[in-house]
Amino acid sequence: MAETIIGLFKAEVINILGPWKSVGQVEWETLRWVDWFNTSRLLEPIGYITPNEAEVNFYAALNQTQNAA
């Protein structure tokens, strides 16, 4: 799975936004992409919502289940 993510990163960031003038530029764009990937991208398998929304929904459902018990 890591190889898939690395390939996706290279295709979306490294190859498109280059050429790079410094390591610092690559590090900054890496941080921006990781933040987007972990918080803002829409996930098709779970209904085109962001990971943040999915986490909120998960814990809300978990709390409802615990309250019912």
N, C-alpha and C. Protein backbone atom coordinates (compact mmCIF):
# COMPACT_ATOMS: atom_id res chain seq x y z
N MET A 1 0.81 -1.18 0.00
CA MET A 1 0.00 0.00 0.00
C MET A 1 0.86 1.26 0.00
N ALA A 2 1.99 1.21 0.69
CA ALA A 2 2.87 2.38 0.73
C ALA A 2 3.35 2.74 -0.68
N GLU A 3 3.63 1.74 -1.49
CA GLU A 3 4.08 2.01 -2.86
C GLU A 3 2.99 2.72 -3.66
N THR A 4 1.75 2.40 -3.42
CA THR A 4 0.64 3.05 -4.11
C THR A 4 0.55 4.52 -3.72
N ILE A 5 0.68 4.80 -2.44
CA ILE A 5 0.62 6.17 -1.97
C ILE A 5 1.81 6.97 -2.49
N ILE A 6 2.99 6.39 -2.48
CA ILE A 6 4.17 7.07 -2.99
C ILE A 6 4.00 7.38 -4.48
N GLY A 7 3.49 6.42 -5.24
CA GLY A 7 3.25 6.64 -6.66
C GLY A 7 2.23 7.74 -6.89
N LEU A 8 1.18 7.76 -6.10
CA LEU A 8 0.16 8.80 -6.21
C LEU A 8 0.76 10.17 -5.90
N PHE A 9 1.56 10.23 -4.86
CA PHE A 9 2.22 11.49 -4.49
C PHE A 9 3.13 11.97 -5.61
N LYS A 10 3.92 11.08 -6.16
CA LYS A 10 4.82 11.47 -7.25
C LYS A 10 4.04 11.97 -8.45
N ALA A 11 2.96 11.30 -8.78
CA ALA A 11 2.16 11.68 -9.94
C ALA A 11 1.46 13.02 -9.73
N GLU A 12 0.97 13.27 -8.51
CA GLU A 12 0.18 14.48 -8.25
C GLU A 12 1.02 15.68 -7.86
N VAL A 13 2.15 15.47 -7.24
CA VAL A 13 2.91 16.61 -6.72
C VAL A 13 4.28 16.74 -7.39
N ILE A 14 5.09 15.74 -7.27
CA ILE A 14 6.47 15.84 -7.72
C ILE A 14 6.57 16.12 -9.21
N ASN A 15 5.87 15.32 -10.02
CA ASN A 15 5.99 15.47 -11.47
C ASN A 15 5.25 16.69 -12.01
N ILE A 16 4.15 17.07 -11.39
CA ILE A 16 3.34 18.17 -11.91
C ILE A 16 3.87 19.53 -11.45
N LEU A 17 4.25 19.66 -10.20
CA LEU A 17 4.62 20.96 -9.65
C LEU A 17 6.10 21.30 -9.79
N GLY A 18 6.93 20.35 -10.22
CA GLY A 18 8.35 20.61 -10.38
C GLY A 18 8.62 21.53 -11.55
N PRO A 19 9.82 21.89 -11.85
CA PRO A 19 11.07 21.48 -11.19
C PRO A 19 11.25 22.20 -9.86
N TRP A 20 11.98 21.53 -8.99
CA TRP A 20 12.16 22.01 -7.63
C TRP A 20 13.51 22.70 -7.50
N LYS A 21 13.54 23.81 -6.77
CA LYS A 21 14.77 24.57 -6.59
C LYS A 21 15.49 24.21 -5.31
N SER A 22 14.76 23.64 -4.34
CA SER A 22 15.40 23.29 -3.07
C SER A 22 14.64 22.14 -2.41
N VAL A 23 15.31 21.54 -1.46
CA VAL A 23 14.69 20.48 -0.68
C VAL A 23 13.54 21.06 0.15
N GLY A 24 13.70 22.28 0.60
CA GLY A 24 12.66 22.94 1.38
C GLY A 24 11.35 23.05 0.63
N GLN A 25 11.42 23.33 -0.67
CA GLN A 25 10.20 23.39 -1.48
C GLN A 25 9.51 22.04 -1.53
N VAL A 26 10.27 21.01 -1.72
CA VAL A 26 9.71 19.65 -1.78
C VAL A 26 9.09 19.30 -0.43
N GLU A 27 9.77 19.62 0.66
CA GLU A 27 9.23 19.34 1.99
C GLU A 27 7.92 20.09 2.23
N TRP A 28 7.86 21.36 1.85
CA TRP A 28 6.65 22.15 2.06
C TRP A 28 5.49 21.57 1.26
N GLU A 29 5.70 21.26 -0.01
CA GLU A 29 4.63 20.70 -0.83
C GLU A 29 4.22 19.32 -0.33
N THR A 30 5.17 18.57 0.22
CA THR A 30 4.85 17.27 0.80
C THR A 30 3.91 17.44 1.99
N LEU A 31 4.22 18.39 2.86
CA LEU A 31 3.36 18.65 4.02
C LEU A 31 1.97 19.09 3.60
N ARG A 32 1.89 19.95 2.60
CA ARG A 32 0.58 20.41 2.12
C ARG A 32 -0.23 19.25 1.55
N TRP A 33 0.42 18.37 0.77
CA TRP A 33 -0.28 17.24 0.16
C TRP A 33 -0.74 16.24 1.21
N VAL A 34 0.10 15.96 2.19
CA VAL A 34 -0.27 15.01 3.25
C VAL A 34 -1.46 15.55 4.04
N ASP A 35 -1.45 16.86 4.33
CA ASP A 35 -2.59 17.45 5.03
C ASP A 35 -3.86 17.30 4.21
N TRP A 36 -3.79 17.62 2.93
CA TRP A 36 -4.97 17.47 2.06
C TRP A 36 -5.42 16.01 2.02
N PHE A 37 -4.48 15.10 1.82
CA PHE A 37 -4.79 13.68 1.69
C PHE A 37 -5.47 13.15 2.95
N ASN A 38 -5.03 13.59 4.12
CA ASN A 38 -5.55 13.08 5.38
C ASN A 38 -6.81 13.79 5.88
N THR A 39 -7.10 14.99 5.36
CA THR A 39 -8.22 15.73 5.93
C THR A 39 -9.27 16.20 4.93
N SER A 40 -8.90 16.49 3.71
CA SER A 40 -9.82 17.19 2.80
C SER A 40 -10.28 16.43 1.57
N ARG A 41 -9.58 15.38 1.19
CA ARG A 41 -9.97 14.69 -0.05
C ARG A 41 -11.29 13.97 0.12
N LEU A 42 -12.03 13.87 -0.95
CA LEU A 42 -13.31 13.16 -0.92
C LEU A 42 -13.08 11.68 -1.19
N LEU A 43 -13.66 10.84 -0.37
CA LEU A 43 -13.48 9.40 -0.49
C LEU A 43 -14.73 8.77 -1.09
N GLU A 44 -14.61 8.22 -2.27
CA GLU A 44 -15.75 7.61 -2.98
C GLU A 44 -16.32 6.41 -2.24
N PRO A 45 -15.50 5.51 -1.68
CA PRO A 45 -16.08 4.32 -1.05
C PRO A 45 -16.97 4.61 0.16
N ILE A 46 -16.83 5.78 0.75
CA ILE A 46 -17.65 6.08 1.92
C ILE A 46 -18.63 7.22 1.66
N GLY A 47 -18.96 7.44 0.40
CA GLY A 47 -20.01 8.39 0.07
C GLY A 47 -19.55 9.80 -0.26
N TYR A 48 -18.35 9.92 -0.78
CA TYR A 48 -17.82 11.23 -1.19
C TYR A 48 -17.82 12.23 -0.04
N ILE A 49 -17.30 11.79 1.10
CA ILE A 49 -17.12 12.69 2.23
C ILE A 49 -15.63 12.69 2.59
N THR A 50 -15.22 13.68 3.36
CA THR A 50 -13.82 13.78 3.75
C THR A 50 -13.51 12.83 4.90
N PRO A 51 -12.24 12.51 5.10
CA PRO A 51 -11.88 11.68 6.25
C PRO A 51 -12.32 12.29 7.58
N ASN A 52 -12.25 13.62 7.69
CA ASN A 52 -12.71 14.27 8.92
C ASN A 52 -14.19 14.03 9.16
N GLU A 53 -15.01 14.17 8.13
CA GLU A 53 -16.44 13.92 8.26
C GLU A 53 -16.71 12.46 8.64
N ALA A 54 -15.96 11.55 8.03
CA ALA A 54 -16.14 10.13 8.32
C ALA A 54 -15.82 9.84 9.78
N GLU A 55 -14.78 10.47 10.31
CA GLU A 55 -14.42 10.26 11.71
C GLU A 55 -15.50 10.81 12.65
N VAL A 56 -16.01 11.99 12.34
CA VAL A 56 -17.08 12.58 13.16
C VAL A 56 -18.31 11.66 13.14
N ASN A 57 -18.68 11.18 11.95
CA ASN A 57 -19.83 10.28 11.82
C ASN A 57 -19.62 8.99 12.60
N PHE A 58 -18.40 8.45 12.53
CA PHE A 58 -18.09 7.21 13.23
C PHE A 58 -18.29 7.36 14.74
N TYR A 59 -17.70 8.42 15.30
CA TYR A 59 -17.81 8.60 16.75
C TYR A 59 -19.23 8.97 17.18
N ALA A 60 -19.97 9.67 16.34
CA ALA A 60 -21.37 9.97 16.66
C ALA A 60 -22.17 8.68 16.70
N ALA A 61 -21.97 7.79 15.74
CA ALA A 61 -22.67 6.51 15.72
C ALA A 61 -22.25 5.64 16.91
N LEU A 62 -20.97 5.68 17.26
CA LEU A 62 -20.47 4.90 18.39
C LEU A 62 -21.11 5.40 19.69
N ASN A 63 -21.23 6.70 19.84
CA ASN A 63 -21.85 7.25 21.05
C ASN A 63 -23.33 6.90 21.13
N GLN A 64 -24.02 6.88 20.00
CA GLN A 64 -25.43 6.50 20.01
C GLN A 64 -25.60 5.05 20.44
N THR A 65 -24.72 4.19 19.96
CA THR A 65 -24.78 2.77 20.32
C THR A 65 -24.52 2.59 21.81
N GLN A 66 -23.54 3.30 22.34
CA GLN A 66 -23.22 3.17 23.76
C GLN A 66 -24.36 3.72 24.62
N ASN A 67 -24.98 4.79 24.18
CA ASN A 67 -26.10 5.37 24.95
C ASN A 67 -27.30 4.44 24.94
N ALA A 68 -27.52 3.71 23.86
CA ALA A 68 -28.66 2.79 23.76
C ALA A 68 -28.47 1.58 24.67
N ALA A 69 -27.23 1.20 24.90
CA ALA A 69 -26.95 0.02 25.73
C ALA A 69 -27.07 0.39 27.15
